[in-house]
Amino acid sequence: MTFDEVEYVYINEAEITEVAAMNGRDVPPAIVLNSNDNGFGFFRIDDSSMKHIEENLSKITHQLNKAVVLSQIIIMIRTIKYPATRLPLILK
């Protein structure tokens, strides 16, 4: 699995944030927000990205990024945005 890295993207409190560095690129199957845990925020992972994460989380070799994704999923479970019954799909 290969990853492109776009650093220092500032997310404004808005429904949509345009990431200029991604213009002209294909849409990736998922994006790790707050990679390397440099900031803080609550991000809802969309259904398409979540399906990709459920199938590929074990392929993320960077343990901190894996923890960032899992932390966000736990927050989504606590706020009833992701069903806890699907957690085994991620932890397989």
C-alpha atoms as a PDB file:
ATOM      1  CA  MET A   1       0.000   0.000   0.000  1.00  0.00           C
ATOM      2  CA  THR A   2       1.464   3.341  -1.006  1.00  0.00           C
ATOM      3  CA  PHE A   3       0.685   6.696   0.508  1.00  0.00           C
ATOM      4  CA  ASP A   4       0.968  10.244  -0.719  1.00  0.00           C
ATOM      5  CA  GLU A   5       1.620  12.759   1.991  1.00  0.00           C
ATOM      6  CA  VAL A   6       0.209  16.273   2.104  1.00  0.00           C
ATOM      7  CA  GLU A   7       1.428  18.208   5.114  1.00  0.00           C
ATOM      8  CA  TYR A   8       0.152  21.237   6.962  1.00  0.00           C
ATOM      9  CA  VAL A   9      -3.426  21.345   5.798  1.00  0.00           C
ATOM     10  CA  TYR A  10      -5.469  23.711   7.899  1.00  0.00           C
ATOM     11  CA  ILE A  11      -9.072  22.657   8.385  1.00  0.00           C
ATOM     12  CA  ASN A  12     -11.464  25.523   8.951  1.00  0.00           C
ATOM     13  CA  GLU A  13     -14.710  25.010  10.797  1.00  0.00           C
ATOM     14  CA  ALA A  14     -16.733  24.502   7.664  1.00  0.00           C
ATOM     15  CA  GLU A  15     -18.702  21.762   5.985  1.00  0.00           C
ATOM     16  CA  ILE A  16     -16.133  21.509   3.188  1.00  0.00           C
ATOM     17  CA  THR A  17     -12.410  22.257   3.306  1.00  0.00           C
ATOM     18  CA  GLU A  18     -10.622  22.459  -0.015  1.00  0.00           C
ATOM     19  CA  VAL A  19      -7.110  21.024   0.030  1.00  0.00           C
ATOM     20  CA  ALA A  20      -5.308  22.827  -2.773  1.00  0.00           C
ATOM     21  CA  ALA A  21      -2.443  20.306  -2.739  1.00  0.00           C
ATOM     22  CA  MET A  22      -4.931  17.610  -3.770  1.00  0.00           C
ATOM     23  CA  ASN A  23      -6.258  19.476  -6.823  1.00  0.00           C
ATOM     24  CA  GLY A  24      -5.782  17.391  -9.962  1.00  0.00           C
ATOM     25  CA  ARG A  25      -5.133  14.172  -8.042  1.00  0.00           C
ATOM     26  CA  ASP A  26      -7.339  11.113  -7.920  1.00  0.00           C
ATOM     27  CA  VAL A  27      -9.469  10.861  -4.811  1.00  0.00           C
ATOM     28  CA  PRO A  28      -7.798   8.409  -2.408  1.00  0.00           C
ATOM     29  CA  PRO A  29      -9.875   5.640  -0.805  1.00  0.00           C
ATOM     30  CA  ALA A  30      -9.224   7.164   2.644  1.00  0.00           C
ATOM     31  CA  ILE A  31      -7.323  10.029   4.244  1.00  0.00           C
ATOM     32  CA  VAL A  32      -5.592   9.901   7.633  1.00  0.00           C
ATOM     33  CA  LEU A  33      -6.340  13.209   9.286  1.00  0.00           C
ATOM     34  CA  ASN A  34      -3.959  14.389  11.983  1.00  0.00           C
ATOM     35  CA  SER A  35      -1.209  12.065  10.779  1.00  0.00           C
ATOM     36  CA  ASN A  36       1.564  11.743  13.374  1.00  0.00           C
ATOM     37  CA  ASP A  37      -0.867  13.154  15.953  1.00  0.00           C
ATOM     38  CA  ASN A  38       0.456  16.710  15.556  1.00  0.00           C
ATOM     39  CA  GLY A  39      -2.838  18.422  16.328  1.00  0.00           C
ATOM     40  CA  PHE A  40      -6.230  17.830  17.822  1.00  0.00           C
ATOM     41  CA  GLY A  41      -9.665  17.544  16.371  1.00  0.00           C
ATOM     42  CA  PHE A  42     -12.734  15.423  16.015  1.00  0.00           C
ATOM     43  CA  PHE A  43     -13.249  14.137  12.508  1.00  0.00           C
ATOM     44  CA  ARG A  44     -16.109  12.025  11.244  1.00  0.00           C
ATOM     45  CA  ILE A  45     -14.854   9.322   8.905  1.00  0.00           C
ATOM     46  CA  ASP A  46     -17.217   9.014   5.934  1.00  0.00           C
ATOM     47  CA  ASP A  47     -18.767   5.657   5.016  1.00  0.00           C
ATOM     48  CA  SER A  48     -16.583   5.087   1.947  1.00  0.00           C
ATOM     49  CA  SER A  49     -13.373   5.736   3.888  1.00  0.00           C
ATOM     50  CA  MET A  50     -14.598   3.604   6.786  1.00  0.00           C
ATOM     51  CA  LYS A  51     -15.194   0.637   4.490  1.00  0.00           C
ATOM     52  CA  HIS A  52     -11.628   1.003   3.195  1.00  0.00           C
ATOM     53  CA  ILE A  53     -10.313   1.266   6.766  1.00  0.00           C
ATOM     54  CA  GLU A  54     -12.252  -1.833   7.820  1.00  0.00           C
ATOM     55  CA  GLU A  55     -10.578  -3.763   5.010  1.00  0.00           C
ATOM     56  CA  ASN A  56      -7.066  -2.271   5.254  1.00  0.00           C
ATOM     57  CA  LEU A  57      -6.265  -0.976   8.746  1.00  0.00           C
ATOM     58  CA  SER A  58      -3.840  -3.841   9.320  1.00  0.00           C
ATOM     59  CA  LYS A  59      -1.792  -2.583   6.345  1.00  0.00           C
ATOM     60  CA  ILE A  60      -0.991   0.750   8.030  1.00  0.00           C
ATOM     61  CA  THR A  61       2.514   0.102   9.309  1.00  0.00           C
ATOM     62  CA  HIS A  62       2.988   3.436  11.079  1.00  0.00           C
ATOM     63  CA  GLN A  63       1.694   2.591  14.557  1.00  0.00           C
ATOM     64  CA  LEU A  64       0.952   6.187  15.570  1.00  0.00           C
ATOM     65  CA  ASN A  65      -1.188   6.734  12.464  1.00  0.00           C
ATOM     66  CA  LYS A  66      -2.997   3.462  13.175  1.00  0.00           C
ATOM     67  CA  ALA A  67      -3.649   4.691  16.730  1.00  0.00           C
ATOM     68  CA  VAL A  68      -4.945   8.034  15.396  1.00  0.00           C
ATOM     69  CA  VAL A  69      -7.455   6.201  13.174  1.00  0.00           C
ATOM     70  CA  LEU A  70      -8.536   3.866  15.986  1.00  0.00           C
ATOM     71  CA  SER A  71      -8.914   6.808  18.371  1.00  0.00           C
ATOM     72  CA  GLN A  72     -11.218   8.555  15.926  1.00  0.00           C
ATOM     73  CA  ILE A  73     -13.279   5.376  15.507  1.00  0.00           C
ATOM     74  CA  ILE A  74     -13.643   5.080  19.284  1.00  0.00           C
ATOM     75  CA  ILE A  75     -14.870   8.681  19.433  1.00  0.00           C
ATOM     76  CA  MET A  76     -17.359   7.904  16.653  1.00  0.00           C
ATOM     77  CA  ILE A  77     -18.620   4.866  18.605  1.00  0.00           C
ATOM     78  CA  ARG A  78     -19.020   6.969  21.761  1.00  0.00           C
ATOM     79  CA  THR A  79     -21.031   9.593  19.851  1.00  0.00           C
ATOM     80  CA  ILE A  80     -23.130   6.956  18.056  1.00  0.00           C
ATOM     81  CA  LYS A  81     -21.695   7.772  14.612  1.00  0.00           C
ATOM     82  CA  TYR A  82     -20.280   4.256  14.094  1.00  0.00           C
ATOM     83  CA  PRO A  83     -21.899   1.016  15.294  1.00  0.00           C
ATOM     84  CA  ALA A  84     -19.799  -0.847  17.852  1.00  0.00           C
ATOM     85  CA  THR A  85     -20.963  -4.102  16.251  1.00  0.00           C
ATOM     86  CA  ARG A  86     -18.674  -3.316  13.269  1.00  0.00           C
ATOM     87  CA  LEU A  87     -15.562  -2.958  15.444  1.00  0.00           C
ATOM     88  CA  PRO A  88     -14.555  -6.633  14.951  1.00  0.00           C
ATOM     89  CA  LEU A  89     -14.196  -5.864  11.212  1.00  0.00           C
ATOM     90  CA  ILE A  90     -11.407  -3.435  12.075  1.00  0.00           C
ATOM     91  CA  LEU A  91      -9.690  -5.439  14.791  1.00  0.00           C
ATOM     92  CA  LYS A  92      -9.446  -8.680  12.794  1.00  0.00           C
END
